[in-house]
Every structure is written in structure tokens, then in C-alpha cells.
């Protein structure tokens, strides 16, 4: 859509994509092979199935991650998020967190952790935190993760990753077990950065 890929675009996206890899020995996204950058939000048409019905959905997106190794980003949103990190929103971190989740081929909020004990602890903490978020939202209480994180486990993990790097203090206070699990997964502690 006419987006020129300048050094600023390359370096900004590469830097943001590196945040989730800072403490990790692996240091790369094993399936990633393409990053597509639009100048702004982009429109995606999808078919949604509801029982025997098929419905056409049109969505305006700022980012998307595919299990086949592609990330799609809106440059306007990447730039806004990078210039206001204290907001805790970061479309690049969000989509690259999905890439870590999709290493196994699909996103479900449970990236590969290496062993069953870690997977079991991860599942328990994530489910407890997801349920707590939904309960707070249903009661009209604020939560730093917000509404979108409550839509499904894959989005919960991606939004929690955004807040982990952008608003670590708020996430640690509202969801200490979740913060601890993300600290172990990412092998860094953003609370120590400020």
C-alpha cells in the first residue's frame, strides 16, 4: 500500500521485535520469514463460521501474526506505540509474542516451554489470571490487561506480553503470578529497568 521500507522502519521494528528475545538464549523467531508493513491500519475480510452459517466479517487491524511465519504491521501504530511506551500498548511486541506462541503451528496462549512441569505451571497460572481478568471485567473493575485480553487465551498471552514490557509495575501489581510466569518465560525482569 505504498509504505516505503526505510532504515527507520527496519530498525524500529527490529528493535521492538527484539524485546521478547532479550533474555532468551534462542534469540530468534524460528518460523518467521516475512514482515509486511502497511502505512496505517489495514482491512481484512474473513469468513466466520457460526454453526451452519457462514458470515463475512470485515476487520480493521493494526497487526496480525500468522503461524506460517508472517507478521503484518501498521507503521502508524508501530510508531505511535514506540513513541509512547508508558501506555503499555505495543502492536509489534503483541504480534511477535504470537510468533513465539505459534512456533508449534498455532496460537493458543501456550508457547513451547520445554517440559511438562513448566507447561503445567504455565497453564495453571494463565488460566487463573485469565479467569481473574474476566471476573474483574464482568464486575466493572479496571484491569491493566483490558477487554481484548479477555477474548481468548492467545490474545491474553499477547496482551500480557505487551504490558509485561510496557507497564511491568501495573501488571506485577494486578497479576503477580502472571508477571512471575512471564518473567521466567522471557528471562528478563522489566521492573529492574527503571
N, C-alpha and C. Protein backbone atom coordinates (compact mmCIF):
# COMPACT_ATOMS: atom_id res chain seq x y z
N UNK A 1 0.84 -1.21 0.00
CA UNK A 1 0.00 0.00 0.00
C UNK A 1 0.87 1.25 0.00
N UNK A 2 2.04 1.18 -0.59
CA UNK A 2 2.89 2.36 -0.75
C UNK A 2 3.85 2.63 0.39
N UNK A 3 3.89 1.78 1.40
CA UNK A 3 4.82 2.00 2.51
C UNK A 3 6.25 1.80 2.04
N UNK A 4 7.08 2.81 2.23
CA UNK A 4 8.49 2.72 1.89
C UNK A 4 9.21 2.14 3.11
N UNK A 5 10.01 1.12 2.89
CA UNK A 5 10.73 0.47 3.98
C UNK A 5 12.10 1.13 4.12
N UNK A 6 12.13 2.14 4.99
CA UNK A 6 13.36 2.89 5.23
C UNK A 6 14.14 2.22 6.37
N UNK A 7 15.35 2.73 6.63
CA UNK A 7 16.12 2.23 7.77
C UNK A 7 15.37 2.47 9.08
N UNK A 8 14.64 3.59 9.18
CA UNK A 8 13.87 3.86 10.39
C UNK A 8 12.83 2.76 10.62
N UNK A 9 12.14 2.35 9.57
CA UNK A 9 11.13 1.29 9.67
C UNK A 9 11.81 -0.02 10.08
N UNK A 10 12.88 -0.37 9.39
CA UNK A 10 13.60 -1.62 9.68
C UNK A 10 14.11 -1.68 11.12
N UNK A 11 14.80 -0.62 11.54
CA UNK A 11 15.43 -0.61 12.85
C UNK A 11 14.38 -0.55 13.97
N UNK A 12 13.34 0.24 13.79
CA UNK A 12 12.30 0.35 14.81
C UNK A 12 11.60 -0.99 15.02
N UNK A 13 11.20 -1.62 13.93
CA UNK A 13 10.51 -2.91 14.05
C UNK A 13 11.47 -3.98 14.58
N UNK A 14 12.70 -3.98 14.12
CA UNK A 14 13.68 -4.96 14.62
C UNK A 14 13.92 -4.78 16.11
N UNK A 15 14.01 -3.54 16.57
CA UNK A 15 14.23 -3.28 18.00
C UNK A 15 13.05 -3.76 18.83
N UNK A 16 11.84 -3.46 18.37
CA UNK A 16 10.65 -3.89 19.11
C UNK A 16 10.51 -5.41 19.08
N UNK A 17 10.84 -6.02 17.95
CA UNK A 17 10.77 -7.48 17.84
C UNK A 17 11.82 -8.14 18.73
N UNK A 18 12.88 -7.41 19.06
CA UNK A 18 13.95 -7.95 19.91
C UNK A 18 13.58 -7.96 21.39
N UNK A 19 12.65 -7.11 21.81
CA UNK A 19 12.28 -7.07 23.23
C UNK A 19 11.93 -8.46 23.78
N UNK A 20 11.03 -9.21 23.13
CA UNK A 20 10.70 -10.53 23.67
C UNK A 20 11.84 -11.55 23.60
N UNK A 21 12.93 -11.19 22.96
CA UNK A 21 14.06 -12.12 22.83
C UNK A 21 15.25 -11.75 23.71
N UNK A 22 15.17 -10.64 24.43
CA UNK A 22 16.32 -10.11 25.16
C UNK A 22 17.00 -11.14 26.07
N UNK A 23 16.23 -11.86 26.85
CA UNK A 23 16.83 -12.78 27.79
C UNK A 23 16.90 -14.21 27.31
N UNK A 24 16.43 -14.46 26.13
CA UNK A 24 16.28 -15.82 25.65
C UNK A 24 17.52 -16.27 24.88
N UNK A 25 18.01 -17.43 25.23
CA UNK A 25 19.20 -17.97 24.56
C UNK A 25 18.94 -18.20 23.08
N UNK A 26 17.69 -18.53 22.74
CA UNK A 26 17.34 -18.83 21.35
C UNK A 26 17.60 -17.63 20.46
N UNK A 27 17.14 -16.45 20.86
CA UNK A 27 17.45 -15.21 20.17
C UNK A 27 16.90 -15.02 18.78
N UNK A 28 15.90 -15.75 18.36
CA UNK A 28 15.30 -15.53 17.05
C UNK A 28 13.90 -16.14 17.02
N UNK A 29 13.16 -15.87 15.96
CA UNK A 29 11.83 -16.43 15.74
C UNK A 29 11.99 -17.53 14.70
N UNK A 30 11.93 -18.79 15.09
CA UNK A 30 12.31 -19.89 14.20
C UNK A 30 11.46 -20.02 12.94
N UNK A 31 10.22 -19.58 12.96
CA UNK A 31 9.38 -19.74 11.76
C UNK A 31 9.24 -18.44 10.96
N UNK A 32 9.64 -17.32 11.52
CA UNK A 32 9.43 -16.03 10.87
C UNK A 32 10.26 -15.88 9.61
N UNK A 33 9.59 -15.50 8.51
CA UNK A 33 10.33 -15.23 7.29
C UNK A 33 9.87 -13.96 6.58
N UNK A 34 8.73 -13.38 7.00
CA UNK A 34 8.24 -12.18 6.33
C UNK A 34 7.62 -11.22 7.33
N UNK A 35 7.98 -9.94 7.22
CA UNK A 35 7.30 -8.88 7.95
C UNK A 35 6.77 -7.92 6.89
N UNK A 36 5.46 -7.81 6.81
CA UNK A 36 4.80 -6.93 5.85
C UNK A 36 4.36 -5.68 6.61
N UNK A 37 4.71 -4.51 6.10
CA UNK A 37 4.40 -3.26 6.78
C UNK A 37 3.51 -2.39 5.89
N UNK A 38 2.33 -2.06 6.42
CA UNK A 38 1.42 -1.12 5.76
C UNK A 38 1.63 0.27 6.36
N UNK A 39 1.28 1.32 5.62
CA UNK A 39 1.44 2.67 6.18
C UNK A 39 0.54 2.91 7.40
N UNK A 40 -0.64 2.32 7.41
CA UNK A 40 -1.59 2.50 8.51
C UNK A 40 -2.39 1.23 8.71
N UNK A 41 -3.49 1.36 9.43
CA UNK A 41 -4.37 0.22 9.67
C UNK A 41 -4.80 -0.37 8.33
N UNK A 42 -5.05 -1.67 8.31
CA UNK A 42 -5.42 -2.35 7.08
C UNK A 42 -6.71 -3.14 7.29
N UNK A 43 -7.39 -3.39 6.20
CA UNK A 43 -8.69 -4.07 6.25
C UNK A 43 -8.52 -5.52 5.83
N UNK A 44 -9.14 -6.40 6.62
CA UNK A 44 -9.09 -7.83 6.34
C UNK A 44 -10.52 -8.35 6.28
N UNK A 45 -10.84 -9.05 5.21
CA UNK A 45 -12.14 -9.72 5.09
C UNK A 45 -11.95 -11.18 5.43
N UNK A 46 -12.81 -11.69 6.31
CA UNK A 46 -12.73 -13.09 6.73
C UNK A 46 -14.12 -13.70 6.75
N UNK A 47 -14.15 -15.00 6.55
CA UNK A 47 -15.39 -15.76 6.70
C UNK A 47 -15.40 -16.33 8.11
N UNK A 48 -16.47 -16.04 8.85
CA UNK A 48 -16.62 -16.53 10.22
C UNK A 48 -17.73 -17.57 10.21
N UNK A 49 -17.49 -18.70 10.86
CA UNK A 49 -18.47 -19.77 10.93
C UNK A 49 -19.17 -19.72 12.28
N UNK A 50 -20.49 -19.73 12.23
CA UNK A 50 -21.29 -19.80 13.45
C UNK A 50 -22.33 -20.89 13.23
N UNK A 51 -21.99 -22.09 13.73
CA UNK A 51 -22.85 -23.24 13.45
C UNK A 51 -22.84 -23.51 11.96
N UNK A 52 -24.01 -23.71 11.37
CA UNK A 52 -24.07 -23.98 9.93
C UNK A 52 -23.97 -22.71 9.07
N UNK A 53 -23.95 -21.54 9.70
CA UNK A 53 -23.92 -20.28 8.96
C UNK A 53 -22.49 -19.81 8.72
N UNK A 54 -22.30 -19.16 7.58
CA UNK A 54 -21.05 -18.51 7.26
C UNK A 54 -21.33 -17.02 7.11
N UNK A 55 -20.54 -16.21 7.80
CA UNK A 55 -20.73 -14.76 7.74
C UNK A 55 -19.44 -14.09 7.33
N UNK A 56 -19.57 -13.07 6.53
CA UNK A 56 -18.41 -12.29 6.08
C UNK A 56 -18.14 -11.21 7.13
N UNK A 57 -16.94 -11.19 7.65
CA UNK A 57 -16.52 -10.18 8.62
C UNK A 57 -15.46 -9.30 7.99
N UNK A 58 -15.57 -8.02 8.22
CA UNK A 58 -14.55 -7.06 7.79
C UNK A 58 -13.96 -6.44 9.05
N UNK A 59 -12.63 -6.55 9.19
CA UNK A 59 -11.96 -6.01 10.36
C UNK A 59 -10.89 -5.01 9.93
N UNK A 60 -10.74 -3.98 10.74
CA UNK A 60 -9.65 -3.03 10.57
C UNK A 60 -8.61 -3.39 11.62
N UNK A 61 -7.40 -3.72 11.16
CA UNK A 61 -6.35 -4.22 12.05
C UNK A 61 -5.11 -3.33 12.04
N UNK A 62 -4.38 -3.39 13.16
CA UNK A 62 -3.09 -2.70 13.21
C UNK A 62 -1.94 -3.70 13.18
N UNK A 63 -2.28 -4.99 13.32
CA UNK A 63 -1.26 -6.02 13.26
C UNK A 63 -1.88 -7.40 13.18
N UNK A 64 -1.07 -8.34 12.72
CA UNK A 64 -1.53 -9.71 12.58
C UNK A 64 -0.30 -10.61 12.52
N UNK A 65 -0.44 -11.81 13.06
CA UNK A 65 0.64 -12.80 13.01
C UNK A 65 0.06 -14.10 12.50
N UNK A 66 0.78 -14.74 11.59
CA UNK A 66 0.32 -15.99 11.00
C UNK A 66 1.27 -17.10 11.40
N UNK A 67 0.72 -18.27 11.65
CA UNK A 67 1.50 -19.42 12.06
C UNK A 67 2.50 -19.89 11.02
N UNK A 68 2.33 -19.46 9.78
CA UNK A 68 3.26 -19.87 8.71
C UNK A 68 4.49 -18.97 8.66
N UNK A 69 4.62 -18.03 9.63
CA UNK A 69 5.84 -17.23 9.70
C UNK A 69 5.75 -15.83 9.13
N UNK A 70 4.56 -15.24 9.14
CA UNK A 70 4.42 -13.87 8.67
C UNK A 70 3.87 -12.98 9.79
N UNK A 71 4.38 -11.76 9.83
CA UNK A 71 3.85 -10.73 10.72
C UNK A 71 3.47 -9.56 9.82
N UNK A 72 2.29 -9.00 10.07
CA UNK A 72 1.79 -7.85 9.32
C UNK A 72 1.60 -6.72 10.33
N UNK A 73 2.15 -5.53 10.03
CA UNK A 73 2.09 -4.41 10.96
C UNK A 73 1.68 -3.12 10.28
N UNK A 74 1.00 -2.27 11.02
CA UNK A 74 0.70 -0.90 10.60
C UNK A 74 1.82 0.00 11.11
N UNK A 75 2.52 0.66 10.20
CA UNK A 75 3.63 1.51 10.60
C UNK A 75 3.16 2.64 11.51
N UNK A 76 2.00 3.25 11.23
CA UNK A 76 1.47 4.31 12.10
C UNK A 76 1.34 3.82 13.54
N UNK A 77 0.81 2.61 13.71
CA UNK A 77 0.62 2.07 15.05
C UNK A 77 1.94 1.69 15.71
N UNK A 78 2.86 1.12 14.94
CA UNK A 78 4.18 0.78 15.48
C UNK A 78 4.86 2.05 15.98
N UNK A 79 4.84 3.09 15.17
CA UNK A 79 5.50 4.35 15.53
C UNK A 79 4.85 4.99 16.75
N UNK A 80 3.52 5.02 16.80
CA UNK A 80 2.81 5.59 17.96
C UNK A 80 3.17 4.82 19.23
N UNK A 81 3.12 3.49 19.15
CA UNK A 81 3.41 2.66 20.33
C UNK A 81 4.86 2.85 20.79
N UNK A 82 5.78 2.95 19.85
CA UNK A 82 7.19 3.11 20.20
C UNK A 82 7.44 4.48 20.84
N UNK A 83 6.68 5.50 20.44
CA UNK A 83 6.90 6.83 20.99
C UNK A 83 6.19 7.04 22.32
N UNK A 84 5.26 6.15 22.68
CA UNK A 84 4.52 6.25 23.95
C UNK A 84 4.55 4.92 24.69
N UNK A 85 5.73 4.42 25.05
CA UNK A 85 5.82 3.08 25.65
C UNK A 85 5.09 2.95 26.98
N UNK A 86 4.93 4.07 27.71
CA UNK A 86 4.27 4.01 29.00
C UNK A 86 2.79 3.64 28.91
N UNK A 87 2.20 3.73 27.72
CA UNK A 87 0.80 3.32 27.53
C UNK A 87 0.66 1.81 27.68
N UNK A 88 1.75 1.07 27.48
CA UNK A 88 1.70 -0.37 27.62
C UNK A 88 1.17 -1.08 26.39
N UNK A 89 0.84 -0.34 25.35
CA UNK A 89 0.37 -0.94 24.10
C UNK A 89 1.54 -0.98 23.13
N UNK A 90 1.69 -2.14 22.47
CA UNK A 90 2.78 -2.27 21.53
C UNK A 90 2.43 -3.36 20.53
N UNK A 91 1.93 -2.93 19.37
CA UNK A 91 1.46 -3.89 18.36
C UNK A 91 2.59 -4.81 17.91
N UNK A 92 3.81 -4.30 17.84
CA UNK A 92 4.92 -5.15 17.40
C UNK A 92 5.20 -6.24 18.43
N UNK A 93 5.33 -5.87 19.70
CA UNK A 93 5.54 -6.87 20.74
C UNK A 93 4.40 -7.88 20.75
N UNK A 94 3.18 -7.39 20.59
CA UNK A 94 1.99 -8.25 20.57
C UNK A 94 2.09 -9.30 19.46
N UNK A 95 2.38 -8.86 18.26
CA UNK A 95 2.43 -9.80 17.13
C UNK A 95 3.64 -10.73 17.19
N UNK A 96 4.76 -10.24 17.69
CA UNK A 96 5.91 -11.12 17.82
C UNK A 96 5.73 -12.10 18.98
N UNK A 97 4.96 -11.74 20.01
CA UNK A 97 4.60 -12.71 21.05
C UNK A 97 3.77 -13.83 20.43
N UNK A 98 2.86 -13.46 19.51
CA UNK A 98 2.11 -14.50 18.80
C UNK A 98 3.06 -15.43 18.03
N UNK A 99 4.12 -14.87 17.44
CA UNK A 99 5.07 -15.72 16.72
C UNK A 99 5.70 -16.75 17.66
N UNK A 100 6.02 -16.34 18.88
CA UNK A 100 6.57 -17.29 19.86
C UNK A 100 5.54 -18.35 20.22
N UNK A 101 4.29 -17.94 20.32
CA UNK A 101 3.20 -18.87 20.62
C UNK A 101 2.96 -19.82 19.44
N UNK A 102 3.19 -19.35 18.22
CA UNK A 102 2.88 -20.12 17.02
C UNK A 102 4.02 -21.03 16.55
N UNK A 103 5.08 -21.12 17.32
CA UNK A 103 6.20 -21.99 16.93
C UNK A 103 5.70 -23.41 16.69
N UNK A 104 4.70 -23.83 17.44
CA UNK A 104 4.16 -25.18 17.29
C UNK A 104 3.13 -25.26 16.16
N UNK A 105 2.85 -24.14 15.49
CA UNK A 105 1.96 -24.13 14.34
C UNK A 105 0.66 -23.37 14.54
N UNK A 106 0.28 -23.11 15.78
CA UNK A 106 -0.96 -22.39 16.06
C UNK A 106 -0.77 -21.59 17.34
N UNK A 107 -1.66 -20.62 17.55
CA UNK A 107 -1.60 -19.79 18.76
C UNK A 107 -2.72 -20.21 19.71
N UNK A 108 -2.34 -20.51 20.95
CA UNK A 108 -3.34 -20.83 21.96
C UNK A 108 -2.97 -20.26 23.33
N UNK A 109 -1.98 -19.38 23.37
CA UNK A 109 -1.56 -18.79 24.62
C UNK A 109 -0.61 -19.66 25.42
N UNK A 110 -0.15 -20.75 24.82
CA UNK A 110 0.76 -21.68 25.49
C UNK A 110 1.97 -21.96 24.62
N UNK A 111 2.94 -21.05 24.61
CA UNK A 111 4.15 -21.30 23.81
C UNK A 111 4.91 -22.51 24.33
N UNK A 112 5.76 -23.05 23.50
CA UNK A 112 6.54 -24.22 23.88
C UNK A 112 7.49 -23.83 25.01
N UNK A 113 7.45 -24.59 26.11
CA UNK A 113 8.27 -24.28 27.28
C UNK A 113 9.33 -25.34 27.57
N UNK A 114 9.30 -26.45 26.88
CA UNK A 114 10.36 -27.43 27.01
C UNK A 114 10.09 -28.63 27.86
N UNK A 115 9.24 -28.51 28.89
CA UNK A 115 8.95 -29.70 29.70
C UNK A 115 7.54 -29.63 30.28
N UNK A 116 7.05 -30.76 30.69
CA UNK A 116 5.66 -30.87 31.15
C UNK A 116 5.40 -30.11 32.44
N UNK A 117 6.35 -30.11 33.34
CA UNK A 117 6.16 -29.41 34.62
C UNK A 117 5.99 -27.91 34.38
N UNK A 118 6.82 -27.36 33.52
CA UNK A 118 6.69 -25.93 33.19
C UNK A 118 5.39 -25.65 32.47
N UNK A 119 5.01 -26.55 31.56
CA UNK A 119 3.74 -26.39 30.83
C UNK A 119 2.57 -26.41 31.80
N UNK A 120 2.60 -27.32 32.78
CA UNK A 120 1.51 -27.43 33.75
C UNK A 120 1.41 -26.17 34.60
N UNK A 121 2.56 -25.66 35.08
CA UNK A 121 2.55 -24.43 35.88
C UNK A 121 2.05 -23.26 35.04
N UNK A 122 2.54 -23.15 33.80
CA UNK A 122 2.11 -22.10 32.89
C UNK A 122 0.60 -22.15 32.70
N UNK A 123 0.07 -23.32 32.41
CA UNK A 123 -1.38 -23.47 32.17
C UNK A 123 -2.18 -23.05 33.40
N UNK A 124 -1.75 -23.45 34.58
CA UNK A 124 -2.48 -23.12 35.80
C UNK A 124 -2.47 -21.61 36.05
N UNK A 125 -1.30 -20.98 35.94
CA UNK A 125 -1.19 -19.54 36.18
C UNK A 125 -1.97 -18.76 35.13
N UNK A 126 -1.83 -19.13 33.87
CA UNK A 126 -2.53 -18.42 32.81
C UNK A 126 -4.04 -18.54 32.97
N UNK A 127 -4.53 -19.73 33.27
CA UNK A 127 -5.97 -19.91 33.43
C UNK A 127 -6.49 -19.11 34.62
N UNK A 128 -5.77 -19.14 35.73
CA UNK A 128 -6.18 -18.39 36.91
C UNK A 128 -6.21 -16.88 36.61
N UNK A 129 -5.21 -16.39 35.93
CA UNK A 129 -5.12 -14.96 35.60
C UNK A 129 -6.19 -14.57 34.58
N UNK A 130 -6.43 -15.43 33.60
CA UNK A 130 -7.46 -15.20 32.59
C UNK A 130 -8.84 -15.13 33.26
N UNK A 131 -9.11 -16.06 34.17
CA UNK A 131 -10.38 -16.07 34.90
C UNK A 131 -10.53 -14.84 35.77
N UNK A 132 -9.44 -14.42 36.43
CA UNK A 132 -9.47 -13.22 37.26
C UNK A 132 -9.77 -11.99 36.41
N UNK A 133 -9.14 -11.88 35.26
CA UNK A 133 -9.40 -10.76 34.36
C UNK A 133 -10.87 -10.73 33.96
N UNK A 134 -11.40 -11.85 33.53
CA UNK A 134 -12.80 -11.89 33.12
C UNK A 134 -13.74 -11.53 34.28
N UNK A 135 -13.43 -12.00 35.48
CA UNK A 135 -14.27 -11.68 36.64
C UNK A 135 -14.22 -10.19 36.95
N UNK A 136 -13.04 -9.59 36.88
CA UNK A 136 -12.92 -8.15 37.12
C UNK A 136 -13.70 -7.36 36.08
N UNK A 137 -13.57 -7.74 34.83
CA UNK A 137 -14.28 -7.01 33.78
C UNK A 137 -15.79 -7.16 33.94
N UNK A 138 -16.25 -8.37 34.28
CA UNK A 138 -17.69 -8.60 34.48
C UNK A 138 -18.23 -7.77 35.64
N UNK A 139 -17.38 -7.51 36.65
CA UNK A 139 -17.78 -6.72 37.81
C UNK A 139 -17.58 -5.22 37.58
N UNK A 140 -17.10 -4.86 36.39
CA UNK A 140 -16.87 -3.45 36.07
C UNK A 140 -15.62 -2.88 36.71
N UNK A 141 -14.72 -3.74 37.16
CA UNK A 141 -13.47 -3.31 37.79
C UNK A 141 -12.39 -3.12 36.73
N UNK A 142 -11.49 -2.17 36.95
CA UNK A 142 -10.40 -1.98 35.98
C UNK A 142 -9.34 -3.07 36.10
N UNK A 143 -8.67 -3.31 35.01
CA UNK A 143 -7.55 -4.25 34.99
C UNK A 143 -6.61 -3.76 33.90
N UNK A 144 -5.30 -3.74 34.16
CA UNK A 144 -4.37 -3.21 33.16
C UNK A 144 -4.34 -4.01 31.85
N UNK A 145 -4.85 -5.25 31.86
CA UNK A 145 -4.85 -6.05 30.64
C UNK A 145 -5.96 -5.61 29.68
N UNK A 146 -7.07 -5.12 30.18
CA UNK A 146 -8.14 -4.61 29.33
C UNK A 146 -8.99 -5.69 28.70
N UNK A 147 -10.00 -5.24 27.97
CA UNK A 147 -11.03 -6.11 27.38
C UNK A 147 -10.49 -7.10 26.35
N UNK A 148 -9.59 -6.64 25.48
CA UNK A 148 -9.15 -7.50 24.38
C UNK A 148 -8.45 -8.75 24.89
N UNK A 149 -7.74 -8.64 26.00
CA UNK A 149 -7.04 -9.79 26.57
C UNK A 149 -8.01 -10.88 27.03
N UNK A 150 -9.26 -10.50 27.28
CA UNK A 150 -10.26 -11.46 27.77
C UNK A 150 -10.96 -12.22 26.64
N UNK A 151 -10.61 -11.95 25.38
CA UNK A 151 -11.31 -12.59 24.27
C UNK A 151 -10.96 -14.06 24.10
N UNK A 152 -9.69 -14.41 24.31
CA UNK A 152 -9.24 -15.80 24.15
C UNK A 152 -7.82 -15.93 24.68
N UNK A 153 -7.39 -17.14 25.01
CA UNK A 153 -6.06 -17.33 25.61
C UNK A 153 -4.89 -16.81 24.76
N UNK A 154 -4.96 -16.95 23.44
CA UNK A 154 -3.86 -16.46 22.60
C UNK A 154 -3.71 -14.95 22.71
N UNK A 155 -4.83 -14.25 22.72
CA UNK A 155 -4.78 -12.78 22.86
C UNK A 155 -4.38 -12.39 24.27
N UNK A 156 -4.80 -13.18 25.26
CA UNK A 156 -4.40 -12.93 26.64
C UNK A 156 -2.88 -12.93 26.76
N UNK A 157 -2.24 -13.95 26.20
CA UNK A 157 -0.78 -14.04 26.25
C UNK A 157 -0.13 -12.86 25.53
N UNK A 158 -0.63 -12.49 24.35
CA UNK A 158 -0.02 -11.41 23.58
C UNK A 158 -0.18 -10.06 24.28
N UNK A 159 -1.37 -9.79 24.82
CA UNK A 159 -1.60 -8.53 25.54
C UNK A 159 -0.78 -8.51 26.83
N UNK A 160 -0.75 -9.63 27.55
CA UNK A 160 0.05 -9.70 28.77
C UNK A 160 1.52 -9.43 28.45
N UNK A 161 2.00 -9.89 27.30
CA UNK A 161 3.38 -9.63 26.89
C UNK A 161 3.60 -8.14 26.64
N UNK A 162 2.63 -7.48 26.02
CA UNK A 162 2.73 -6.02 25.82
C UNK A 162 2.88 -5.30 27.16
N UNK A 163 2.00 -5.65 28.11
CA UNK A 163 2.03 -4.99 29.42
C UNK A 163 3.29 -5.35 30.20
N UNK A 164 3.77 -6.58 30.04
CA UNK A 164 4.99 -7.02 30.72
C UNK A 164 6.15 -6.09 30.36
N UNK A 165 6.27 -5.76 29.09
CA UNK A 165 7.36 -4.89 28.65
C UNK A 165 7.04 -3.41 28.78
N UNK A 166 5.77 -3.02 28.68
CA UNK A 166 5.40 -1.61 28.67
C UNK A 166 4.91 -1.05 29.99
N UNK A 167 4.23 -1.86 30.79
CA UNK A 167 3.72 -1.43 32.09
C UNK A 167 3.96 -2.52 33.13
N UNK A 168 5.22 -2.88 33.34
CA UNK A 168 5.51 -4.00 34.23
C UNK A 168 5.00 -3.81 35.65
N UNK A 169 5.09 -2.59 36.16
CA UNK A 169 4.64 -2.31 37.52
C UNK A 169 3.14 -2.56 37.68
N UNK A 170 2.33 -2.14 36.71
CA UNK A 170 0.88 -2.34 36.78
C UNK A 170 0.53 -3.82 36.66
N UNK A 171 1.22 -4.53 35.76
CA UNK A 171 0.95 -5.96 35.59
C UNK A 171 1.36 -6.74 36.84
N UNK A 172 2.52 -6.43 37.40
CA UNK A 172 3.00 -7.13 38.59
C UNK A 172 2.08 -6.92 39.78
N UNK A 173 1.51 -5.73 39.88
CA UNK A 173 0.60 -5.44 41.00
C UNK A 173 -0.75 -6.12 40.81
N UNK A 174 -1.28 -6.10 39.60
CA UNK A 174 -2.61 -6.67 39.34
C UNK A 174 -2.59 -8.18 39.20
N UNK A 175 -1.49 -8.72 38.66
CA UNK A 175 -1.37 -10.16 38.38
C UNK A 175 0.03 -10.64 38.73
N UNK A 176 0.38 -10.72 40.02
CA UNK A 176 1.76 -11.09 40.38
C UNK A 176 2.20 -12.47 39.89
N UNK A 177 1.33 -13.45 39.92
CA UNK A 177 1.72 -14.79 39.45
C UNK A 177 1.94 -14.78 37.94
N UNK A 178 1.10 -14.07 37.22
CA UNK A 178 1.26 -13.94 35.76
C UNK A 178 2.58 -13.24 35.45
N UNK A 179 2.86 -12.15 36.16
CA UNK A 179 4.12 -11.44 35.94
C UNK A 179 5.30 -12.38 36.15
N UNK A 180 5.25 -13.16 37.22
CA UNK A 180 6.32 -14.11 37.52
C UNK A 180 6.49 -15.14 36.43
N UNK A 181 5.38 -15.62 35.89
CA UNK A 181 5.46 -16.62 34.83
C UNK A 181 6.05 -16.02 33.56
N UNK A 182 5.66 -14.79 33.22
CA UNK A 182 6.22 -14.11 32.05
C UNK A 182 7.71 -13.79 32.27
N UNK A 183 8.07 -13.44 33.50
CA UNK A 183 9.49 -13.18 33.81
C UNK A 183 10.32 -14.45 33.57
N UNK A 184 9.79 -15.61 33.98
CA UNK A 184 10.51 -16.87 33.73
C UNK A 184 10.56 -17.19 32.23
N UNK A 185 9.46 -16.94 31.53
CA UNK A 185 9.42 -17.25 30.10
C UNK A 185 10.37 -16.35 29.31
N UNK A 186 10.29 -15.04 29.53
CA UNK A 186 11.12 -14.11 28.76
C UNK A 186 12.54 -13.99 29.31
N UNK A 187 12.77 -14.48 30.53
CA UNK A 187 14.08 -14.47 31.17
C UNK A 187 14.67 -13.07 31.33
N UNK A 188 13.79 -12.11 31.57
CA UNK A 188 14.17 -10.73 31.91
C UNK A 188 13.16 -10.22 32.94
N UNK A 189 13.52 -9.14 33.62
CA UNK A 189 12.62 -8.53 34.60
C UNK A 189 12.54 -7.04 34.33
N UNK A 190 11.54 -6.59 33.57
CA UNK A 190 11.43 -5.16 33.26
C UNK A 190 11.24 -4.26 34.48
N UNK A 191 10.84 -4.81 35.62
CA UNK A 191 10.74 -4.00 36.84
C UNK A 191 12.10 -3.45 37.24
N UNK A 192 13.16 -4.11 36.83
CA UNK A 192 14.51 -3.67 37.19
C UNK A 192 15.07 -2.60 36.24
N UNK A 193 14.32 -2.29 35.19
CA UNK A 193 14.82 -1.37 34.18
C UNK A 193 14.63 0.10 34.55
N UNK A 194 13.77 0.37 35.51
CA UNK A 194 13.54 1.81 35.80
C UNK A 194 13.90 2.16 37.22
